[in-house]
Amino acid sequence: MDKDFKATIEALIFAADAPLSVEKIARILEVDSELVQNAVDELSADYKPRGMNLFELAGGYQFLTARRFYPMVLKMKDTDRSLSLSQAAFETLAIVAYRQPLTSQEISAMRGVQSVSNILRKLQELELIRIAGRKDVIGRPMLYRTTPKFLELFGLNSLGDLPSLEEIGVNES
C-alpha cells in the first residue's frame, strides 16, 4: 500500500476531534471505501505495539492511548476526570443504555424514584443522551437514548459492546 496514502489517512484520523468513519475518509479522499478500510486495518496493525492504538469507536476510528498504558496516563493527570457524574446519574445512564429508547417515567419506575428530569437534563447537557422521539401513548412522552459521544466516552464501538447484564451481576427478575 502507498505509504503516502496511509499517512494521509493517519493525519485525518489524528486531526479529527471525534471518531472518523471509513465512509467519511473515502468521501474526503474521493476513493473507494474498501481501499480506505484496508489502509485503516494496516494502520491499526502498525500501531498495535505502540503507546497509542487506533480504536474503532462509535462507528469510526480514533487514536487513543493504548489500554495497557492507561493507568500511567491517569497518574500523570492526577486522576482529574473531566466527567463527574453522581451515582444517580450513572444509574440513569446505565438504564438508558441497556433499555433504550424509554421515557422518563419508565426510568423513574426502574430506579424507584419520583423524578429523573434533572438527571436527564444533565445527561443531555453532557451530550450522553438525546431525545429520540415520542412514545405513541397518551401524553406522547419523550423517548431517550444514548449518543455517539456516550459510545466514545465509554470506549464502545456499538451498544452491542456493552457487557451483558449477567456479566455485571444484574439479576433481571
N, C-alpha and C. Protein backbone atom coordinates (compact mmCIF):
# COMPACT_ATOMS: atom_id res chain seq x y z
N MET A 1 0.85 -1.19 0.00
CA MET A 1 0.00 0.00 0.00
C MET A 1 0.89 1.25 0.00
N ASP A 2 0.46 2.25 -0.70
CA ASP A 2 1.19 3.51 -0.81
C ASP A 2 1.33 4.15 0.57
N LYS A 3 2.58 4.38 0.99
CA LYS A 3 2.84 4.96 2.33
C LYS A 3 2.23 6.35 2.47
N ASP A 4 2.23 7.12 1.41
CA ASP A 4 1.67 8.47 1.46
C ASP A 4 0.15 8.42 1.69
N PHE A 5 -0.51 7.44 1.06
CA PHE A 5 -1.95 7.28 1.24
C PHE A 5 -2.27 6.94 2.70
N LYS A 6 -1.53 5.98 3.25
CA LYS A 6 -1.72 5.61 4.66
C LYS A 6 -1.43 6.79 5.58
N ALA A 7 -0.39 7.54 5.27
CA ALA A 7 -0.02 8.70 6.09
C ALA A 7 -1.12 9.77 6.04
N THR A 8 -1.75 9.91 4.89
CA THR A 8 -2.84 10.88 4.76
C THR A 8 -4.01 10.48 5.64
N ILE A 9 -4.36 9.20 5.62
CA ILE A 9 -5.46 8.70 6.45
C ILE A 9 -5.10 8.85 7.93
N GLU A 10 -3.86 8.54 8.27
CA GLU A 10 -3.38 8.71 9.65
C GLU A 10 -3.55 10.16 10.09
N ALA A 11 -3.18 11.10 9.24
CA ALA A 11 -3.29 12.53 9.57
C ALA A 11 -4.74 12.94 9.75
N LEU A 12 -5.63 12.46 8.90
CA LEU A 12 -7.05 12.80 9.01
C LEU A 12 -7.63 12.30 10.33
N ILE A 13 -7.33 11.04 10.66
CA ILE A 13 -7.86 10.47 11.91
C ILE A 13 -7.28 11.20 13.10
N PHE A 14 -6.00 11.49 13.06
CA PHE A 14 -5.35 12.18 14.17
C PHE A 14 -5.93 13.58 14.37
N ALA A 15 -6.22 14.27 13.29
CA ALA A 15 -6.70 15.66 13.37
C ALA A 15 -8.18 15.77 13.72
N ALA A 16 -8.93 14.68 13.53
CA ALA A 16 -10.37 14.72 13.79
C ALA A 16 -10.64 14.83 15.29
N ASP A 17 -11.66 15.60 15.64
CA ASP A 17 -11.99 15.75 17.06
C ASP A 17 -12.98 14.70 17.56
N ALA A 18 -13.37 13.78 16.68
CA ALA A 18 -14.26 12.68 17.03
C ALA A 18 -13.90 11.50 16.13
N PRO A 19 -14.35 10.29 16.47
CA PRO A 19 -14.05 9.17 15.59
C PRO A 19 -14.47 9.45 14.15
N LEU A 20 -13.62 9.07 13.22
CA LEU A 20 -13.81 9.35 11.79
C LEU A 20 -14.14 8.04 11.08
N SER A 21 -15.26 8.01 10.36
CA SER A 21 -15.68 6.78 9.69
C SER A 21 -14.91 6.56 8.39
N VAL A 22 -14.84 5.30 7.99
CA VAL A 22 -14.19 4.94 6.73
C VAL A 22 -14.90 5.63 5.57
N GLU A 23 -16.23 5.69 5.65
CA GLU A 23 -17.00 6.32 4.58
C GLU A 23 -16.67 7.80 4.44
N LYS A 24 -16.51 8.48 5.56
CA LYS A 24 -16.19 9.91 5.51
C LYS A 24 -14.78 10.12 4.94
N ILE A 25 -13.84 9.29 5.37
CA ILE A 25 -12.48 9.39 4.83
C ILE A 25 -12.51 9.16 3.32
N ALA A 26 -13.26 8.16 2.88
CA ALA A 26 -13.35 7.85 1.45
C ALA A 26 -13.93 9.03 0.67
N ARG A 27 -14.95 9.69 1.27
CA ARG A 27 -15.53 10.87 0.60
C ARG A 27 -14.51 12.01 0.52
N ILE A 28 -13.78 12.24 1.60
CA ILE A 28 -12.79 13.32 1.63
C ILE A 28 -11.70 13.08 0.58
N LEU A 29 -11.23 11.84 0.51
CA LEU A 29 -10.13 11.50 -0.40
C LEU A 29 -10.61 11.11 -1.81
N GLU A 30 -11.94 11.00 -1.95
CA GLU A 30 -12.54 10.64 -3.23
C GLU A 30 -11.99 9.31 -3.75
N VAL A 31 -12.02 8.31 -2.86
CA VAL A 31 -11.58 6.96 -3.21
C VAL A 31 -12.61 5.95 -2.70
N ASP A 32 -12.41 4.70 -3.05
CA ASP A 32 -13.29 3.62 -2.65
C ASP A 32 -13.14 3.30 -1.15
N SER A 33 -14.25 3.04 -0.49
CA SER A 33 -14.23 2.73 0.95
C SER A 33 -13.38 1.51 1.27
N GLU A 34 -13.37 0.53 0.38
CA GLU A 34 -12.58 -0.69 0.62
C GLU A 34 -11.09 -0.37 0.70
N LEU A 35 -10.63 0.53 -0.15
CA LEU A 35 -9.24 0.95 -0.13
C LEU A 35 -8.90 1.62 1.21
N VAL A 36 -9.81 2.46 1.69
CA VAL A 36 -9.61 3.14 2.97
C VAL A 36 -9.62 2.12 4.11
N GLN A 37 -10.57 1.17 4.07
CA GLN A 37 -10.64 0.16 5.13
C GLN A 37 -9.35 -0.65 5.20
N ASN A 38 -8.80 -1.01 4.04
CA ASN A 38 -7.52 -1.75 4.02
C ASN A 38 -6.41 -0.94 4.66
N ALA A 39 -6.35 0.35 4.35
CA ALA A 39 -5.32 1.22 4.93
C ALA A 39 -5.52 1.37 6.43
N VAL A 40 -6.76 1.51 6.87
CA VAL A 40 -7.06 1.62 8.31
C VAL A 40 -6.65 0.33 9.03
N ASP A 41 -6.94 -0.81 8.42
CA ASP A 41 -6.54 -2.09 9.02
C ASP A 41 -5.02 -2.18 9.15
N GLU A 42 -4.30 -1.73 8.13
CA GLU A 42 -2.83 -1.73 8.19
C GLU A 42 -2.32 -0.77 9.27
N LEU A 43 -2.92 0.41 9.34
CA LEU A 43 -2.54 1.38 10.38
C LEU A 43 -2.77 0.80 11.77
N SER A 44 -3.91 0.15 11.93
CA SER A 44 -4.24 -0.46 13.22
C SER A 44 -3.17 -1.48 13.62
N ALA A 45 -2.75 -2.30 12.68
CA ALA A 45 -1.70 -3.30 12.94
C ALA A 45 -0.36 -2.61 13.24
N ASP A 46 -0.06 -1.53 12.48
CA ASP A 46 1.18 -0.80 12.69
C ASP A 46 1.27 -0.24 14.11
N TYR A 47 0.14 0.21 14.64
CA TYR A 47 0.12 0.87 15.95
C TYR A 47 -0.05 -0.08 17.13
N LYS A 48 -0.35 -1.36 16.88
CA LYS A 48 -0.59 -2.32 17.97
C LYS A 48 0.49 -2.30 19.06
N PRO A 49 1.78 -2.35 18.69
CA PRO A 49 2.81 -2.41 19.74
C PRO A 49 3.20 -1.05 20.34
N ARG A 50 2.54 0.00 19.92
CA ARG A 50 2.95 1.34 20.31
C ARG A 50 2.18 1.86 21.52
N GLY A 51 2.50 3.06 21.93
CA GLY A 51 1.87 3.69 23.09
C GLY A 51 0.47 4.20 22.82
N MET A 52 0.14 4.36 21.55
CA MET A 52 -1.24 4.69 21.21
C MET A 52 -1.69 3.71 20.14
N ASN A 53 -2.98 3.44 20.15
CA ASN A 53 -3.56 2.49 19.20
C ASN A 53 -4.68 3.16 18.44
N LEU A 54 -5.02 2.55 17.33
CA LEU A 54 -6.15 3.01 16.53
C LEU A 54 -7.36 2.18 16.95
N PHE A 55 -8.33 2.85 17.57
CA PHE A 55 -9.52 2.18 18.08
C PHE A 55 -10.72 2.45 17.20
N GLU A 56 -11.59 1.45 17.06
CA GLU A 56 -12.86 1.62 16.39
C GLU A 56 -13.88 1.99 17.46
N LEU A 57 -14.39 3.22 17.36
CA LEU A 57 -15.32 3.74 18.35
C LEU A 57 -16.48 4.45 17.67
N ALA A 58 -17.68 4.23 18.15
CA ALA A 58 -18.86 4.99 17.70
C ALA A 58 -18.97 5.05 16.17
N GLY A 59 -18.64 3.94 15.52
CA GLY A 59 -18.77 3.88 14.07
C GLY A 59 -17.64 4.51 13.29
N GLY A 60 -16.56 4.86 13.96
CA GLY A 60 -15.41 5.46 13.29
C GLY A 60 -14.12 5.03 13.95
N TYR A 61 -13.04 5.71 13.61
CA TYR A 61 -11.72 5.37 14.15
C TYR A 61 -11.10 6.58 14.82
N GLN A 62 -10.36 6.32 15.90
CA GLN A 62 -9.71 7.39 16.65
C GLN A 62 -8.45 6.84 17.32
N PHE A 63 -7.41 7.67 17.37
CA PHE A 63 -6.19 7.30 18.08
C PHE A 63 -6.39 7.60 19.56
N LEU A 64 -6.07 6.61 20.39
CA LEU A 64 -6.16 6.76 21.85
C LEU A 64 -4.97 6.06 22.48
N THR A 65 -4.71 6.43 23.72
CA THR A 65 -3.66 5.76 24.48
C THR A 65 -3.94 4.26 24.52
N ALA A 66 -2.90 3.46 24.31
CA ALA A 66 -3.07 2.01 24.41
C ALA A 66 -3.57 1.66 25.81
N ARG A 67 -4.51 0.73 25.87
CA ARG A 67 -5.13 0.39 27.16
C ARG A 67 -4.11 0.03 28.24
N ARG A 68 -3.04 -0.63 27.86
CA ARG A 68 -2.07 -1.06 28.87
C ARG A 68 -1.34 0.11 29.54
N PHE A 69 -1.39 1.30 28.92
CA PHE A 69 -0.74 2.47 29.49
C PHE A 69 -1.70 3.41 30.20
N TYR A 70 -2.97 3.07 30.17
CA TYR A 70 -3.99 3.94 30.75
C TYR A 70 -3.72 4.26 32.23
N PRO A 71 -3.31 3.29 33.07
CA PRO A 71 -3.05 3.63 34.48
C PRO A 71 -1.97 4.71 34.65
N MET A 72 -0.94 4.68 33.81
CA MET A 72 0.12 5.69 33.92
C MET A 72 -0.39 7.06 33.48
N VAL A 73 -1.21 7.07 32.45
CA VAL A 73 -1.77 8.34 31.97
C VAL A 73 -2.66 8.95 33.05
N LEU A 74 -3.43 8.11 33.72
CA LEU A 74 -4.27 8.62 34.82
C LEU A 74 -3.41 9.21 35.93
N LYS A 75 -2.29 8.57 36.26
CA LYS A 75 -1.39 9.12 37.28
C LYS A 75 -0.88 10.49 36.84
N MET A 76 -0.51 10.59 35.56
CA MET A 76 0.00 11.85 35.04
C MET A 76 -1.04 12.96 35.19
N LYS A 77 -2.27 12.61 34.97
CA LYS A 77 -3.34 13.60 35.06
C LYS A 77 -3.87 13.76 36.47
N ASP A 78 -3.19 13.13 37.43
CA ASP A 78 -3.61 13.20 38.84
C ASP A 78 -5.07 12.80 39.01
N THR A 79 -5.46 11.82 38.22
CA THR A 79 -6.83 11.30 38.23
C THR A 79 -7.89 12.39 38.12
N ASP A 80 -7.53 13.50 37.47
CA ASP A 80 -8.50 14.57 37.24
C ASP A 80 -9.42 14.13 36.10
N ARG A 81 -10.65 13.85 36.44
CA ARG A 81 -11.62 13.39 35.45
C ARG A 81 -12.49 14.54 34.99
N SER A 82 -12.65 14.68 33.70
CA SER A 82 -13.47 15.77 33.18
C SER A 82 -14.96 15.45 33.29
N LEU A 83 -15.29 14.18 33.47
CA LEU A 83 -16.69 13.79 33.60
C LEU A 83 -16.93 13.38 35.04
N SER A 84 -17.78 14.10 35.69
CA SER A 84 -18.12 13.79 37.07
C SER A 84 -19.62 13.59 37.16
N LEU A 85 -20.03 12.34 37.34
CA LEU A 85 -21.44 12.02 37.44
C LEU A 85 -21.75 11.45 38.82
N SER A 86 -22.90 11.80 39.33
CA SER A 86 -23.36 11.23 40.59
C SER A 86 -23.73 9.77 40.38
N GLN A 87 -23.89 9.05 41.48
CA GLN A 87 -24.33 7.66 41.41
C GLN A 87 -25.69 7.57 40.71
N ALA A 88 -26.59 8.51 41.03
CA ALA A 88 -27.92 8.53 40.40
C ALA A 88 -27.81 8.75 38.90
N ALA A 89 -26.90 9.62 38.47
CA ALA A 89 -26.73 9.88 37.04
C ALA A 89 -26.17 8.65 36.33
N PHE A 90 -25.19 7.96 36.97
CA PHE A 90 -24.66 6.73 36.38
C PHE A 90 -25.74 5.67 36.26
N GLU A 91 -26.56 5.53 37.30
CA GLU A 91 -27.65 4.55 37.27
C GLU A 91 -28.61 4.87 36.13
N THR A 92 -28.97 6.13 36.01
CA THR A 92 -29.90 6.56 34.96
C THR A 92 -29.30 6.31 33.58
N LEU A 93 -28.03 6.65 33.41
CA LEU A 93 -27.35 6.44 32.14
C LEU A 93 -27.30 4.95 31.80
N ALA A 94 -27.04 4.11 32.78
CA ALA A 94 -27.00 2.66 32.54
C ALA A 94 -28.37 2.15 32.12
N ILE A 95 -29.41 2.63 32.76
CA ILE A 95 -30.77 2.21 32.39
C ILE A 95 -31.06 2.61 30.95
N VAL A 96 -30.73 3.83 30.58
CA VAL A 96 -30.96 4.28 29.21
C VAL A 96 -30.14 3.41 28.24
N ALA A 97 -28.88 3.16 28.57
CA ALA A 97 -28.01 2.39 27.67
C ALA A 97 -28.56 0.99 27.42
N TYR A 98 -29.05 0.34 28.46
CA TYR A 98 -29.50 -1.05 28.33
C TYR A 98 -30.94 -1.20 27.88
N ARG A 99 -31.78 -0.19 28.07
CA ARG A 99 -33.21 -0.35 27.80
C ARG A 99 -33.76 0.61 26.73
N GLN A 100 -32.92 1.39 26.10
CA GLN A 100 -33.38 2.43 25.18
C GLN A 100 -34.16 1.88 24.00
N PRO A 101 -35.03 2.72 23.43
CA PRO A 101 -35.45 4.02 23.93
C PRO A 101 -36.50 3.85 25.03
N LEU A 102 -36.52 4.77 25.99
CA LEU A 102 -37.52 4.72 27.05
C LEU A 102 -37.82 6.11 27.57
N THR A 103 -38.93 6.23 28.28
CA THR A 103 -39.40 7.52 28.77
C THR A 103 -38.85 7.81 30.16
N SER A 104 -38.96 9.06 30.58
CA SER A 104 -38.51 9.42 31.93
C SER A 104 -39.34 8.70 32.98
N GLN A 105 -40.62 8.48 32.71
CA GLN A 105 -41.46 7.76 33.67
C GLN A 105 -40.99 6.31 33.83
N GLU A 106 -40.59 5.69 32.73
CA GLU A 106 -40.09 4.31 32.78
C GLU A 106 -38.77 4.27 33.56
N ILE A 107 -37.93 5.26 33.35
CA ILE A 107 -36.65 5.33 34.07
C ILE A 107 -36.91 5.52 35.56
N SER A 108 -37.81 6.44 35.90
CA SER A 108 -38.15 6.69 37.30
C SER A 108 -38.66 5.42 37.98
N ALA A 109 -39.52 4.68 37.27
CA ALA A 109 -40.06 3.44 37.83
C ALA A 109 -38.96 2.41 38.07
N MET A 110 -38.02 2.30 37.13
CA MET A 110 -36.92 1.34 37.28
C MET A 110 -35.99 1.72 38.43
N ARG A 111 -35.80 3.01 38.63
CA ARG A 111 -34.93 3.48 39.71
C ARG A 111 -35.68 3.55 41.03
N GLY A 112 -37.01 3.54 40.99
CA GLY A 112 -37.80 3.61 42.21
C GLY A 112 -37.80 5.00 42.82
N VAL A 113 -37.80 6.03 41.96
CA VAL A 113 -37.80 7.42 42.43
C VAL A 113 -38.95 8.18 41.78
N GLN A 114 -39.26 9.36 42.32
CA GLN A 114 -40.35 10.17 41.79
C GLN A 114 -40.03 10.77 40.42
N SER A 115 -38.83 11.31 40.27
CA SER A 115 -38.49 12.02 39.04
C SER A 115 -37.01 11.91 38.73
N VAL A 116 -36.72 11.88 37.44
CA VAL A 116 -35.33 11.88 36.98
C VAL A 116 -35.08 13.03 36.01
N SER A 117 -36.00 13.98 35.98
CA SER A 117 -35.92 15.05 34.98
C SER A 117 -34.63 15.86 35.08
N ASN A 118 -34.18 16.18 36.30
CA ASN A 118 -32.92 16.94 36.44
C ASN A 118 -31.73 16.13 35.96
N ILE A 119 -31.74 14.85 36.26
CA ILE A 119 -30.64 13.98 35.82
C ILE A 119 -30.64 13.87 34.30
N LEU A 120 -31.81 13.68 33.71
CA LEU A 120 -31.89 13.59 32.25
C LEU A 120 -31.40 14.87 31.60
N ARG A 121 -31.75 15.99 32.18
CA ARG A 121 -31.31 17.29 31.65
C ARG A 121 -29.78 17.38 31.70
N LYS A 122 -29.18 16.95 32.82
CA LYS A 122 -27.71 16.98 32.97
C LYS A 122 -27.05 16.05 31.94
N LEU A 123 -27.61 14.85 31.76
CA LEU A 123 -27.05 13.92 30.78
C LEU A 123 -27.18 14.44 29.36
N GLN A 124 -28.26 15.17 29.09
CA GLN A 124 -28.41 15.80 27.77
C GLN A 124 -27.39 16.92 27.59
N GLU A 125 -27.17 17.73 28.62
CA GLU A 125 -26.17 18.81 28.54
C GLU A 125 -24.78 18.25 28.26
N LEU A 126 -24.49 17.08 28.84
CA LEU A 126 -23.20 16.43 28.62
C LEU A 126 -23.16 15.67 27.29
N GLU A 127 -24.28 15.70 26.57
CA GLU A 127 -24.42 15.03 25.27
C GLU A 127 -24.22 13.53 25.36
N LEU A 128 -24.62 12.93 26.49
CA LEU A 128 -24.53 11.48 26.66
C LEU A 128 -25.84 10.80 26.26
N ILE A 129 -26.94 11.54 26.36
CA ILE A 129 -28.23 11.04 25.90
C ILE A 129 -28.89 12.12 25.04
N ARG A 130 -29.90 11.69 24.28
CA ARG A 130 -30.65 12.63 23.45
C ARG A 130 -32.11 12.19 23.40
N ILE A 131 -32.96 13.11 22.98
CA ILE A 131 -34.36 12.78 22.76
C ILE A 131 -34.45 12.06 21.43
N ALA A 132 -35.12 10.92 21.44
CA ALA A 132 -35.17 10.07 20.25
C ALA A 132 -36.58 9.99 19.67
N GLY A 133 -37.41 10.94 20.02
CA GLY A 133 -38.78 10.93 19.52
C GLY A 133 -39.76 10.90 20.68
N ARG A 134 -40.98 10.51 20.37
CA ARG A 134 -42.04 10.44 21.38
C ARG A 134 -42.70 9.08 21.32
N LYS A 135 -43.09 8.58 22.48
CA LYS A 135 -43.77 7.30 22.57
C LYS A 135 -45.21 7.48 22.13
N ASP A 136 -45.72 6.51 21.40
CA ASP A 136 -47.07 6.60 20.85
C ASP A 136 -48.10 6.11 21.88
N VAL A 137 -48.22 6.88 22.97
CA VAL A 137 -49.22 6.63 24.01
C VAL A 137 -49.81 7.98 24.42
N ILE A 138 -50.82 7.93 25.26
CA ILE A 138 -51.45 9.17 25.72
C ILE A 138 -50.39 10.06 26.37
N GLY A 139 -50.38 11.32 25.99
CA GLY A 139 -49.42 12.29 26.50
C GLY A 139 -48.15 12.37 25.67
N ARG A 140 -47.91 11.36 24.83
CA ARG A 140 -46.74 11.31 23.95
C ARG A 140 -45.44 11.73 24.65
N PRO A 141 -45.06 10.99 25.71
CA PRO A 141 -43.83 11.35 26.43
C PRO A 141 -42.59 11.16 25.55
N MET A 142 -41.55 11.93 25.85
CA MET A 142 -40.31 11.85 25.09
C MET A 142 -39.58 10.54 25.39
N LEU A 143 -38.92 10.03 24.37
CA LEU A 143 -38.09 8.84 24.49
C LEU A 143 -36.63 9.26 24.51
N TYR A 144 -35.83 8.60 25.33
CA TYR A 144 -34.41 8.92 25.45
C TYR A 144 -33.56 7.75 24.99
N ARG A 145 -32.42 8.09 24.39
CA ARG A 145 -31.43 7.08 24.00
C ARG A 145 -30.03 7.68 24.11
N THR A 146 -29.03 6.83 24.08
CA THR A 146 -27.65 7.29 24.19
C THR A 146 -27.19 7.90 22.86
N THR A 147 -26.05 8.57 22.91
CA THR A 147 -25.49 9.27 21.75
C THR A 147 -24.15 8.65 21.33
N PRO A 148 -23.64 9.03 20.17
CA PRO A 148 -22.29 8.59 19.80
C PRO A 148 -21.23 9.04 20.82
N LYS A 149 -21.44 10.18 21.46
CA LYS A 149 -20.48 10.64 22.47
C LYS A 149 -20.44 9.67 23.65
N PHE A 150 -21.58 9.09 24.01
CA PHE A 150 -21.62 8.06 25.05
C PHE A 150 -20.73 6.90 24.66
N LEU A 151 -20.88 6.42 23.41
CA LEU A 151 -20.06 5.31 22.94
C LEU A 151 -18.58 5.66 23.00
N GLU A 152 -18.26 6.85 22.53
CA GLU A 152 -16.87 7.31 22.50
C GLU A 152 -16.29 7.39 23.91
N LEU A 153 -17.03 8.00 24.83
CA LEU A 153 -16.55 8.19 26.19
C LEU A 153 -16.30 6.87 26.92
N PHE A 154 -17.14 5.88 26.64
CA PHE A 154 -17.01 4.60 27.32
C PHE A 154 -16.24 3.58 26.50
N GLY A 155 -15.63 4.03 25.39
CA GLY A 155 -14.76 3.15 24.60
C GLY A 155 -15.50 2.03 23.89
N LEU A 156 -16.70 2.32 23.42
CA LEU A 156 -17.53 1.30 22.75
C LEU A 156 -17.67 1.64 21.28
N ASN A 157 -17.71 0.61 20.44
CA ASN A 157 -17.99 0.84 19.03
C ASN A 157 -19.50 0.86 18.80
N SER A 158 -20.22 0.02 19.53
CA SER A 158 -21.68 -0.03 19.43
C SER A 158 -22.23 -0.47 20.77
N LEU A 159 -23.55 -0.37 20.92
CA LEU A 159 -24.19 -0.80 22.17
C LEU A 159 -24.02 -2.30 22.38
N GLY A 160 -23.79 -3.04 21.31
CA GLY A 160 -23.54 -4.47 21.42
C GLY A 160 -22.25 -4.78 22.19
N ASP A 161 -21.38 -3.79 22.33
CA ASP A 161 -20.13 -3.97 23.07
C ASP A 161 -20.31 -3.83 24.58
N LEU A 162 -21.49 -3.39 25.02
CA LEU A 162 -21.75 -3.30 26.46
C LEU A 162 -21.69 -4.70 27.05
N PRO A 163 -21.16 -4.84 28.26
CA PRO A 163 -21.20 -6.17 28.89
C PRO A 163 -22.65 -6.56 29.14
N SER A 164 -22.92 -7.86 29.13
CA SER A 164 -24.29 -8.30 29.39
C SER A 164 -24.64 -7.98 30.84
N LEU A 165 -25.93 -7.89 31.11
CA LEU A 165 -26.38 -7.62 32.49
C LEU A 165 -25.89 -8.72 33.42
N GLU A 166 -25.87 -9.94 32.94
CA GLU A 166 -25.37 -11.07 33.73
C GLU A 166 -23.89 -10.88 34.09
N GLU A 167 -23.10 -10.40 33.12
CA GLU A 167 -21.66 -10.19 33.34
C GLU A 167 -21.40 -9.15 34.43
N ILE A 168 -22.28 -8.17 34.55
CA ILE A 168 -22.07 -7.14 35.57
C ILE A 168 -22.86 -7.41 36.85
N GLY A 169 -23.45 -8.62 36.92
CA GLY A 169 -24.11 -9.04 38.15
C GLY A 169 -25.49 -8.47 38.38
N VAL A 170 -26.22 -8.16 37.30
CA VAL A 170 -27.57 -7.65 37.44
C VAL A 170 -28.55 -8.80 37.18
N ASN A 171 -29.43 -9.01 38.14
CA ASN A 171 -30.46 -10.04 38.01
C ASN A 171 -31.71 -9.39 37.46
N GLU A 172 -32.23 -9.87 36.35
CA GLU A 172 -33.37 -9.21 35.68
C GLU A 172 -34.73 -9.67 36.20
N SER A 173 -34.82 -10.38 37.27
CA SER A 173 -36.13 -10.85 37.73
C SER A 173 -36.95 -9.79 38.39
